[in-house]
Amino acid sequence: MKPRLKVITVFGSSRPKAGQAEYASAQALGAELAARNFVVCSGGYAGVMEAVSRGAKEAGGQTLAVTASFFKARANAWVDKEIRVKTWRERLFELIKRGGGYVACPGGTGTLVELAVVWELLNKGAMRRKPLVLLGEFWKPVIDRVREAELGHASPWGEAHESLIRFADSPAAAAALLAELLRPPCSS
């Protein structure tokens, strides 16, 4: 029996277009994840979502999208399987549920919400530990500011005891970090 492939959910902006740096970075991320035998999951629409799916497909990988009838659009052409839900909220939590790990690329308020919800679920122990990797430095000032605000406050929650967010400076580094963090423990 073949082992089940791990799903990595990728969050990012719908705005980047082919030929732009953020699109190219997401496309490279998709290829790097596929090369490590991950299934790439995204929100399924344009921009980063299209690019990461395209990169995965062009590298021979599998793609999955969670879309919502709320947005009226369908999944991009690079998606193997579309899971359609009704609302934005259902879409958010289905994307989170599907992921065995996460990558947040640069984005806007939608990506910020996705990142914040995953971080909070991990921080409060509301879901089992899964790796959360941020690609590049885009989100670093936000994360640093939140962490700074927490200094000096006693907290029983996860982020007080260990960093729940990792940063990767390239698509290859993000995929390698996820592969390392999701490697099954060695049995003796």
C-alpha atoms as a PDB file:
ATOM      1  CA  MET A   1       0.000   0.000   0.000  1.00  0.00           C
ATOM      2  CA  LYS A   2       1.402   3.398  -1.010  1.00  0.00           C
ATOM      3  CA  PRO A   3       1.842   5.872   1.842  1.00  0.00           C
ATOM      4  CA  ARG A   4      -0.601   8.767   1.809  1.00  0.00           C
ATOM      5  CA  LEU A   5       1.015  11.970   0.597  1.00  0.00           C
ATOM      6  CA  LYS A   6       1.206  14.932   2.954  1.00  0.00           C
ATOM      7  CA  VAL A   7      -0.752  18.013   1.966  1.00  0.00           C
ATOM      8  CA  ILE A   8       0.809  21.460   2.283  1.00  0.00           C
ATOM      9  CA  THR A   9      -1.650  24.351   2.239  1.00  0.00           C
ATOM     10  CA  VAL A  10      -0.240  27.522   0.712  1.00  0.00           C
ATOM     11  CA  PHE A  11      -1.735  30.938   1.466  1.00  0.00           C
ATOM     12  CA  GLY A  12      -1.031  34.053  -0.583  1.00  0.00           C
ATOM     13  CA  SER A  13      -2.331  36.966  -2.590  1.00  0.00           C
ATOM     14  CA  SER A  14      -4.610  36.616  -5.601  1.00  0.00           C
ATOM     15  CA  ARG A  15      -2.988  39.653  -7.248  1.00  0.00           C
ATOM     16  CA  PRO A  16       0.403  38.546  -8.663  1.00  0.00           C
ATOM     17  CA  LYS A  17       0.464  37.827 -12.390  1.00  0.00           C
ATOM     18  CA  ALA A  18       2.726  35.612 -14.501  1.00  0.00           C
ATOM     19  CA  GLY A  19       6.006  37.433 -15.059  1.00  0.00           C
ATOM     20  CA  GLN A  20       5.990  39.108 -11.632  1.00  0.00           C
ATOM     21  CA  ALA A  21       8.432  38.157  -8.872  1.00  0.00           C
ATOM     22  CA  GLU A  22       5.777  36.982  -6.362  1.00  0.00           C
ATOM     23  CA  TYR A  23       4.189  34.751  -9.010  1.00  0.00           C
ATOM     24  CA  ALA A  24       7.574  33.270  -9.931  1.00  0.00           C
ATOM     25  CA  SER A  25       8.378  32.644  -6.266  1.00  0.00           C
ATOM     26  CA  ALA A  26       5.064  30.843  -5.690  1.00  0.00           C
ATOM     27  CA  GLN A  27       5.524  28.825  -8.885  1.00  0.00           C
ATOM     28  CA  ALA A  28       8.975  27.760  -7.675  1.00  0.00           C
ATOM     29  CA  LEU A  29       7.466  26.877  -4.283  1.00  0.00           C
ATOM     30  CA  GLY A  30       4.916  24.609  -5.957  1.00  0.00           C
ATOM     31  CA  ALA A  31       7.670  22.854  -7.911  1.00  0.00           C
ATOM     32  CA  GLU A  32       9.824  22.437  -4.784  1.00  0.00           C
ATOM     33  CA  LEU A  33       6.910  21.007  -2.790  1.00  0.00           C
ATOM     34  CA  ALA A  34       5.999  18.596  -5.595  1.00  0.00           C
ATOM     35  CA  ALA A  35       9.642  17.490  -5.853  1.00  0.00           C
ATOM     36  CA  ARG A  36       9.417  16.465  -2.199  1.00  0.00           C
ATOM     37  CA  ASN A  37       6.231  14.504  -2.877  1.00  0.00           C
ATOM     38  CA  PHE A  38       3.819  16.914  -1.181  1.00  0.00           C
ATOM     39  CA  VAL A  39       0.304  17.561  -2.485  1.00  0.00           C
ATOM     40  CA  VAL A  40      -0.124  21.318  -2.931  1.00  0.00           C
ATOM     41  CA  CYS A  41      -3.375  22.760  -1.611  1.00  0.00           C
ATOM     42  CA  SER A  42      -4.478  26.361  -2.118  1.00  0.00           C
ATOM     43  CA  GLY A  43      -7.559  28.540  -2.305  1.00  0.00           C
ATOM     44  CA  GLY A  44      -7.565  27.707  -6.001  1.00  0.00           C
ATOM     45  CA  TYR A  45      -7.991  31.074  -7.647  1.00  0.00           C
ATOM     46  CA  ALA A  46      -5.496  33.477  -9.277  1.00  0.00           C
ATOM     47  CA  GLY A  47      -2.142  34.922  -8.193  1.00  0.00           C
ATOM     48  CA  VAL A  48      -0.125  32.916  -5.684  1.00  0.00           C
ATOM     49  CA  MET A  49      -2.793  30.197  -5.675  1.00  0.00           C
ATOM     50  CA  GLU A  50      -2.520  29.731  -9.442  1.00  0.00           C
ATOM     51  CA  ALA A  51       1.269  29.979  -9.430  1.00  0.00           C
ATOM     52  CA  VAL A  52       1.835  27.410  -6.684  1.00  0.00           C
ATOM     53  CA  SER A  53      -0.585  25.009  -8.375  1.00  0.00           C
ATOM     54  CA  ARG A  54       1.070  25.588 -11.755  1.00  0.00           C
ATOM     55  CA  GLY A  55       4.539  24.979 -10.327  1.00  0.00           C
ATOM     56  CA  ALA A  56       3.411  21.752  -8.698  1.00  0.00           C
ATOM     57  CA  LYS A  57       1.685  20.468 -11.847  1.00  0.00           C
ATOM     58  CA  GLU A  58       4.612  21.365 -14.109  1.00  0.00           C
ATOM     59  CA  ALA A  59       6.870  19.395 -11.735  1.00  0.00           C
ATOM     60  CA  GLY A  60       4.574  16.350 -11.941  1.00  0.00           C
ATOM     61  CA  GLY A  61       2.865  16.907  -8.591  1.00  0.00           C
ATOM     62  CA  GLN A  62      -0.718  16.811  -7.385  1.00  0.00           C
ATOM     63  CA  THR A  63      -2.856  19.837  -6.594  1.00  0.00           C
ATOM     64  CA  LEU A  64      -5.970  20.473  -4.587  1.00  0.00           C
ATOM     65  CA  ALA A  65      -8.080  23.615  -4.251  1.00  0.00           C
ATOM     66  CA  VAL A  66     -10.724  24.686  -1.782  1.00  0.00           C
ATOM     67  CA  THR A  67     -13.041  27.229  -3.366  1.00  0.00           C
ATOM     68  CA  ALA A  68     -16.242  28.882  -2.179  1.00  0.00           C
ATOM     69  CA  SER A  69     -19.454  29.641  -4.048  1.00  0.00           C
ATOM     70  CA  PHE A  70     -19.306  32.961  -2.158  1.00  0.00           C
ATOM     71  CA  PHE A  71     -16.618  34.096  -4.670  1.00  0.00           C
ATOM     72  CA  LYS A  72     -18.484  32.906  -7.811  1.00  0.00           C
ATOM     73  CA  ALA A  73     -15.217  31.940  -9.610  1.00  0.00           C
ATOM     74  CA  ARG A  74     -14.015  28.402 -10.248  1.00  0.00           C
ATOM     75  CA  ALA A  75     -10.591  26.891  -9.596  1.00  0.00           C
ATOM     76  CA  ASN A  76      -7.679  27.733 -11.865  1.00  0.00           C
ATOM     77  CA  ALA A  77      -6.614  25.396 -14.694  1.00  0.00           C
ATOM     78  CA  TRP A  78      -3.751  23.875 -12.683  1.00  0.00           C
ATOM     79  CA  VAL A  79      -5.967  22.230 -10.058  1.00  0.00           C
ATOM     80  CA  ASP A  80      -6.490  18.447 -10.078  1.00  0.00           C
ATOM     81  CA  LYS A  81      -9.282  18.369  -7.521  1.00  0.00           C
ATOM     82  CA  GLU A  82     -11.594  21.181  -6.442  1.00  0.00           C
ATOM     83  CA  ILE A  83     -13.447  21.042  -3.146  1.00  0.00           C
ATOM     84  CA  ARG A  84     -16.293  23.543  -3.294  1.00  0.00           C
ATOM     85  CA  VAL A  85     -17.840  24.918  -0.101  1.00  0.00           C
ATOM     86  CA  LYS A  86     -20.452  27.630   0.401  1.00  0.00           C
ATOM     87  CA  THR A  87     -18.879  30.319   2.540  1.00  0.00           C
ATOM     88  CA  TRP A  88     -15.594  32.108   3.055  1.00  0.00           C
ATOM     89  CA  ARG A  89     -15.447  30.765   6.617  1.00  0.00           C
ATOM     90  CA  GLU A  90     -15.961  27.155   5.502  1.00  0.00           C
ATOM     91  CA  ARG A  91     -13.226  27.641   2.908  1.00  0.00           C
ATOM     92  CA  LEU A  92     -10.773  28.968   5.506  1.00  0.00           C
ATOM     93  CA  PHE A  93     -11.296  26.070   7.893  1.00  0.00           C
ATOM     94  CA  GLU A  94     -11.268  23.449   5.115  1.00  0.00           C
ATOM     95  CA  LEU A  95      -7.903  24.823   3.900  1.00  0.00           C
ATOM     96  CA  ILE A  96      -6.588  24.575   7.451  1.00  0.00           C
ATOM     97  CA  LYS A  97      -8.036  21.093   8.012  1.00  0.00           C
ATOM     98  CA  ARG A  98      -6.507  19.735   4.792  1.00  0.00           C
ATOM     99  CA  GLY A  99      -2.999  20.983   5.547  1.00  0.00           C
ATOM    100  CA  GLY A 100      -0.395  18.803   7.191  1.00  0.00           C
ATOM    101  CA  GLY A 101       1.744  21.947   7.107  1.00  0.00           C
ATOM    102  CA  TYR A 102       1.412  25.508   5.845  1.00  0.00           C
ATOM    103  CA  VAL A 103       3.273  28.159   3.906  1.00  0.00           C
ATOM    104  CA  ALA A 104       2.204  31.800   3.994  1.00  0.00           C
ATOM    105  CA  CYS A 105       3.458  33.847   1.053  1.00  0.00           C
ATOM    106  CA  PRO A 106       3.170  37.631   0.874  1.00  0.00           C
ATOM    107  CA  GLY A 107      -0.425  38.782   0.624  1.00  0.00           C
ATOM    108  CA  GLY A 108      -3.139  41.102   1.825  1.00  0.00           C
ATOM    109  CA  THR A 109      -5.815  40.961   4.494  1.00  0.00           C
ATOM    110  CA  GLY A 110      -7.084  37.540   3.394  1.00  0.00           C
ATOM    111  CA  THR A 111      -3.636  36.015   3.768  1.00  0.00           C
ATOM    112  CA  LEU A 112      -3.182  37.815   7.085  1.00  0.00           C
ATOM    113  CA  VAL A 113      -6.406  36.243   8.389  1.00  0.00           C
ATOM    114  CA  GLU A 114      -5.323  32.786   7.208  1.00  0.00           C
ATOM    115  CA  LEU A 115      -1.910  33.165   8.841  1.00  0.00           C
ATOM    116  CA  ALA A 116      -3.403  34.533  12.063  1.00  0.00           C
ATOM    117  CA  VAL A 117      -6.001  31.778  12.387  1.00  0.00           C
ATOM    118  CA  VAL A 118      -3.457  28.989  11.850  1.00  0.00           C
ATOM    119  CA  TRP A 119      -1.061  30.647  14.309  1.00  0.00           C
ATOM    120  CA  GLU A 120      -3.783  31.041  16.929  1.00  0.00           C
ATOM    121  CA  LEU A 121      -5.013  27.457  16.557  1.00  0.00           C
ATOM    122  CA  LEU A 122      -1.438  26.249  17.018  1.00  0.00           C
ATOM    123  CA  ASN A 123      -0.765  28.688  19.863  1.00  0.00           C
ATOM    124  CA  LYS A 124      -3.826  27.645  21.850  1.00  0.00           C
ATOM    125  CA  GLY A 125      -3.382  23.947  21.120  1.00  0.00           C
ATOM    126  CA  ALA A 126      -6.743  23.859  19.324  1.00  0.00           C
ATOM    127  CA  MET A 127      -5.185  21.616  16.678  1.00  0.00           C
ATOM    128  CA  ARG A 128      -2.240  19.254  16.674  1.00  0.00           C
ATOM    129  CA  ARG A 129       1.187  20.722  15.963  1.00  0.00           C
ATOM    130  CA  LYS A 130       1.846  21.309  12.287  1.00  0.00           C
ATOM    131  CA  PRO A 131       4.649  23.348  10.739  1.00  0.00           C
ATOM    132  CA  LEU A 132       3.884  26.928   9.699  1.00  0.00           C
ATOM    133  CA  VAL A 133       6.504  28.490   7.414  1.00  0.00           C
ATOM    134  CA  LEU A 134       6.509  32.084   6.193  1.00  0.00           C
ATOM    135  CA  LEU A 135       8.190  32.670   2.854  1.00  0.00           C
ATOM    136  CA  GLY A 136      10.487  35.684   2.799  1.00  0.00           C
ATOM    137  CA  GLU A 137      10.542  38.690   5.117  1.00  0.00           C
ATOM    138  CA  PHE A 138       7.138  40.167   4.211  1.00  0.00           C
ATOM    139  CA  TRP A 139       5.313  39.064   7.395  1.00  0.00           C
ATOM    140  CA  LYS A 140       8.329  39.373   9.727  1.00  0.00           C
ATOM    141  CA  PRO A 141       7.496  42.897  11.069  1.00  0.00           C
ATOM    142  CA  VAL A 142       3.946  41.781  11.928  1.00  0.00           C
ATOM    143  CA  ILE A 143       5.112  38.595  13.651  1.00  0.00           C
ATOM    144  CA  ASP A 144       7.896  40.420  15.502  1.00  0.00           C
ATOM    145  CA  ARG A 145       5.451  43.080  16.727  1.00  0.00           C
ATOM    146  CA  VAL A 146       2.973  40.496  18.033  1.00  0.00           C
ATOM    147  CA  ARG A 147       5.753  38.571  19.750  1.00  0.00           C
ATOM    148  CA  GLU A 148       7.141  41.804  21.228  1.00  0.00           C
ATOM    149  CA  ALA A 149       3.720  42.652  22.669  1.00  0.00           C
ATOM    150  CA  GLU A 150       3.679  39.272  24.410  1.00  0.00           C
ATOM    151  CA  LEU A 151       7.080  39.670  26.110  1.00  0.00           C
ATOM    152  CA  GLY A 152       6.819  39.950  29.849  1.00  0.00           C
ATOM    153  CA  HIS A 153       3.313  38.495  29.970  1.00  0.00           C
ATOM    154  CA  ALA A 154       2.990  35.086  31.567  1.00  0.00           C
ATOM    155  CA  SER A 155       1.181  32.755  29.212  1.00  0.00           C
ATOM    156  CA  PRO A 156       0.423  29.054  29.285  1.00  0.00           C
ATOM    157  CA  TRP A 157       0.117  29.008  25.485  1.00  0.00           C
ATOM    158  CA  GLY A 158       2.462  27.511  22.900  1.00  0.00           C
ATOM    159  CA  GLU A 159       4.135  30.628  21.485  1.00  0.00           C
ATOM    160  CA  ALA A 160       5.326  31.554  24.983  1.00  0.00           C
ATOM    161  CA  HIS A 161       7.373  28.341  25.087  1.00  0.00           C
ATOM    162  CA  GLU A 162       8.556  27.905  21.509  1.00  0.00           C
ATOM    163  CA  SER A 163       8.379  29.664  18.188  1.00  0.00           C
ATOM    164  CA  LEU A 164       5.458  28.229  16.230  1.00  0.00           C
ATOM    165  CA  ILE A 165       6.360  30.101  13.059  1.00  0.00           C
ATOM    166  CA  ARG A 166       9.460  29.457  10.976  1.00  0.00           C
ATOM    167  CA  PHE A 167      10.838  31.711   8.246  1.00  0.00           C
ATOM    168  CA  ALA A 168      12.365  30.559   4.973  1.00  0.00           C
ATOM    169  CA  ASP A 169      14.222  32.872   2.620  1.00  0.00           C
ATOM    170  CA  SER A 170      13.490  30.925  -0.574  1.00  0.00           C
ATOM    171  CA  PRO A 171      10.964  28.458  -2.003  1.00  0.00           C
ATOM    172  CA  ALA A 172      13.590  25.692  -1.837  1.00  0.00           C
ATOM    173  CA  ALA A 173      14.322  26.481   1.817  1.00  0.00           C
ATOM    174  CA  ALA A 174      10.599  26.472   2.681  1.00  0.00           C
ATOM    175  CA  ALA A 175      10.045  23.079   1.036  1.00  0.00           C
ATOM    176  CA  ALA A 176      13.189  21.616   2.615  1.00  0.00           C
ATOM    177  CA  LEU A 177      12.145  22.868   6.058  1.00  0.00           C
ATOM    178  CA  LEU A 178       8.682  21.320   5.687  1.00  0.00           C
ATOM    179  CA  ALA A 179      10.214  18.026   4.522  1.00  0.00           C
ATOM    180  CA  GLU A 180      12.496  18.017   7.559  1.00  0.00           C
ATOM    181  CA  LEU A 181       9.748  18.918  10.030  1.00  0.00           C
ATOM    182  CA  LEU A 182       7.317  16.365   8.576  1.00  0.00           C
ATOM    183  CA  ARG A 183       9.800  13.512   8.262  1.00  0.00           C
ATOM    184  CA  PRO A 184       8.472  10.470  10.083  1.00  0.00           C
ATOM    185  CA  PRO A 185      10.429   9.649  13.244  1.00  0.00           C
ATOM    186  CA  CYS A 186      13.023   6.947  12.827  1.00  0.00           C
ATOM    187  CA  SER A 187      12.048   3.622  14.322  1.00  0.00           C
ATOM    188  CA  SER A 188      14.724   1.418  15.760  1.00  0.00           C
END
